[in-house]
Amino acid sequence: MKDTFKHQTVADRDDLAMYLRALADGLERGELPVAENGRSFSLNPRGLVNLTIKVRRKDGRNRVNLDLNWAEENIPTPLLDDLETGESE
C-alpha cells in the first residue's frame, strides 16, 4: 500500500523549530500522525530508524534535507538480537 503526504510551507525559524519538535515528539511516542485536506494516516516507527542528513550550499542558497526511513515489520537481525539478549553463537 502506498500513501503519500507532502507538506511544504514558508515559515519563520520559531515555527519551523516547533514543527520539528512535534516530529521528534512523535518519534519518541512511536506515532507520526499526518493530516491535510481531509486525508490522514499515521506512521509508526519501531526499532531502528535510518537517518540521512544532506546539507547543501550553492549560489547563496542553503538546503537541509532530512530523510527518516524504517521497515514497517520487525525484520530479524541476529547480531542485534544477540546484543539485546547478551547471547552469541
C-alpha atoms as a PDB file:
ATOM      1  CA  MET A   1       0.000   0.000   0.000  1.00  0.00           C
ATOM      2  CA  LYS A   2       1.340   3.430  -0.878  1.00  0.00           C
ATOM      3  CA  ASP A   3       0.247   6.617   0.857  1.00  0.00           C
ATOM      4  CA  THR A   4       1.971   9.901   0.144  1.00  0.00           C
ATOM      5  CA  PHE A   5       1.939  13.112   2.128  1.00  0.00           C
ATOM      6  CA  LYS A   6       3.920  16.226   1.317  1.00  0.00           C
ATOM      7  CA  HIS A   7       3.890  19.374   3.407  1.00  0.00           C
ATOM      8  CA  GLN A   8       5.565  22.499   2.140  1.00  0.00           C
ATOM      9  CA  THR A   9       5.449  25.885   3.798  1.00  0.00           C
ATOM     10  CA  VAL A  10       7.365  29.096   4.305  1.00  0.00           C
ATOM     11  CA  ALA A  11       7.665  29.976   7.980  1.00  0.00           C
ATOM     12  CA  ASP A  12       9.959  31.693  10.439  1.00  0.00           C
ATOM     13  CA  ARG A  13      12.587  29.756  12.384  1.00  0.00           C
ATOM     14  CA  ASP A  14      10.458  29.538  15.533  1.00  0.00           C
ATOM     15  CA  ASP A  15       7.533  27.945  13.690  1.00  0.00           C
ATOM     16  CA  LEU A  16       9.845  25.543  11.850  1.00  0.00           C
ATOM     17  CA  ALA A  17      11.533  24.559  15.124  1.00  0.00           C
ATOM     18  CA  MET A  18       8.087  23.883  16.634  1.00  0.00           C
ATOM     19  CA  TYR A  19       7.202  21.644  13.671  1.00  0.00           C
ATOM     20  CA  LEU A  20      10.468  19.712  14.006  1.00  0.00           C
ATOM     21  CA  ARG A  21       9.883  19.316  17.772  1.00  0.00           C
ATOM     22  CA  ALA A  22       6.450  17.858  17.033  1.00  0.00           C
ATOM     23  CA  LEU A  23       8.110  15.332  14.689  1.00  0.00           C
ATOM     24  CA  ALA A  24      10.681  14.484  17.374  1.00  0.00           C
ATOM     25  CA  ASP A  25       7.902  14.023  19.954  1.00  0.00           C
ATOM     26  CA  GLY A  26       6.078  11.713  17.538  1.00  0.00           C
ATOM     27  CA  LEU A  27       9.240   9.658  17.044  1.00  0.00           C
ATOM     28  CA  GLU A  28       9.599   9.271  20.803  1.00  0.00           C
ATOM     29  CA  ARG A  29       5.952   8.170  21.105  1.00  0.00           C
ATOM     30  CA  GLY A  30       6.278   5.838  18.117  1.00  0.00           C
ATOM     31  CA  GLU A  31       3.473   7.550  16.220  1.00  0.00           C
ATOM     32  CA  LEU A  32       3.655  10.170  13.487  1.00  0.00           C
ATOM     33  CA  PRO A  33       0.116  11.213  12.547  1.00  0.00           C
ATOM     34  CA  VAL A  34      -0.201  13.338   9.408  1.00  0.00           C
ATOM     35  CA  ALA A  35      -3.265  15.054   8.002  1.00  0.00           C
ATOM     36  CA  GLU A  36      -4.099  17.584   5.332  1.00  0.00           C
ATOM     37  CA  ASN A  37      -7.141  18.352   3.193  1.00  0.00           C
ATOM     38  CA  GLY A  38      -9.302  15.738   4.937  1.00  0.00           C
ATOM     39  CA  ARG A  39      -6.787  12.915   4.404  1.00  0.00           C
ATOM     40  CA  SER A  40      -4.949  11.425   7.314  1.00  0.00           C
ATOM     41  CA  PHE A  41      -2.843   8.443   8.231  1.00  0.00           C
ATOM     42  CA  SER A  42      -0.268   7.563  10.839  1.00  0.00           C
ATOM     43  CA  LEU A  43       3.237   6.154  10.623  1.00  0.00           C
ATOM     44  CA  ASN A  44       4.542   4.039  13.481  1.00  0.00           C
ATOM     45  CA  PRO A  45       8.345   3.965  13.657  1.00  0.00           C
ATOM     46  CA  ARG A  46       9.607   0.922  15.559  1.00  0.00           C
ATOM     47  CA  GLY A  47      13.076  -0.440  16.114  1.00  0.00           C
ATOM     48  CA  LEU A  48      15.956   1.074  14.229  1.00  0.00           C
ATOM     49  CA  VAL A  49      15.331   4.154  12.095  1.00  0.00           C
ATOM     50  CA  ASN A  50      17.747   5.162   9.349  1.00  0.00           C
ATOM     51  CA  LEU A  51      18.538   8.899   9.325  1.00  0.00           C
ATOM     52  CA  THR A  52      20.213  10.663   6.412  1.00  0.00           C
ATOM     53  CA  ILE A  53      21.022  14.374   6.636  1.00  0.00           C
ATOM     54  CA  LYS A  54      22.096  16.143   3.479  1.00  0.00           C
ATOM     55  CA  VAL A  55      23.280  19.767   3.580  1.00  0.00           C
ATOM     56  CA  ARG A  56      23.996  21.849   0.513  1.00  0.00           C
ATOM     57  CA  ARG A  57      25.074  25.432  -0.111  1.00  0.00           C
ATOM     58  CA  LYS A  58      25.013  26.716  -3.679  1.00  0.00           C
ATOM     59  CA  ASP A  59      24.856  30.202  -5.168  1.00  0.00           C
ATOM     60  CA  GLY A  60      23.832  31.840  -1.886  1.00  0.00           C
ATOM     61  CA  ARG A  61      21.036  29.303  -1.227  1.00  0.00           C
ATOM     62  CA  ASN A  62      21.125  26.729   1.564  1.00  0.00           C
ATOM     63  CA  ARG A  63      19.302  23.422   1.862  1.00  0.00           C
ATOM     64  CA  VAL A  64      18.998  20.789   4.571  1.00  0.00           C
ATOM     65  CA  ASN A  65      17.221  17.529   3.722  1.00  0.00           C
ATOM     66  CA  LEU A  66      16.275  15.084   6.459  1.00  0.00           C
ATOM     67  CA  ASP A  67      15.292  11.576   5.470  1.00  0.00           C
ATOM     68  CA  LEU A  68      13.996   9.047   8.004  1.00  0.00           C
ATOM     69  CA  ASN A  69      13.077   5.536   6.976  1.00  0.00           C
ATOM     70  CA  TRP A  70      12.328   2.227   8.633  1.00  0.00           C
ATOM     71  CA  ALA A  71      10.717  -1.104   7.901  1.00  0.00           C
ATOM     72  CA  GLU A  72       7.099  -1.500   8.993  1.00  0.00           C
ATOM     73  CA  GLU A  73       7.623  -5.078  10.046  1.00  0.00           C
ATOM     74  CA  ASN A  74      10.137  -6.285  12.574  1.00  0.00           C
ATOM     75  CA  ILE A  75      12.898  -7.713  10.400  1.00  0.00           C
ATOM     76  CA  PRO A  76      15.051 -10.137  12.427  1.00  0.00           C
ATOM     77  CA  THR A  77      18.653  -9.073  12.793  1.00  0.00           C
ATOM     78  CA  PRO A  78      20.615 -11.890  14.518  1.00  0.00           C
ATOM     79  CA  LEU A  79      23.534  -9.685  15.560  1.00  0.00           C
ATOM     80  CA  LEU A  80      21.230  -7.064  17.069  1.00  0.00           C
ATOM     81  CA  ASP A  81      19.142  -9.774  18.790  1.00  0.00           C
ATOM     82  CA  ASP A  82      22.346 -11.194  20.295  1.00  0.00           C
ATOM     83  CA  LEU A  83      23.353  -7.770  21.617  1.00  0.00           C
ATOM     84  CA  GLU A  84      19.930  -7.203  23.166  1.00  0.00           C
ATOM     85  CA  THR A  85      19.823 -10.606  24.917  1.00  0.00           C
ATOM     86  CA  GLY A  86      23.523 -10.825  25.705  1.00  0.00           C
ATOM     87  CA  GLU A  87      23.813 -14.122  23.802  1.00  0.00           C
ATOM     88  CA  SER A  88      26.102 -15.028  20.956  1.00  0.00           C
ATOM     89  CA  GLU A  89      26.558 -18.048  18.695  1.00  0.00           C
END
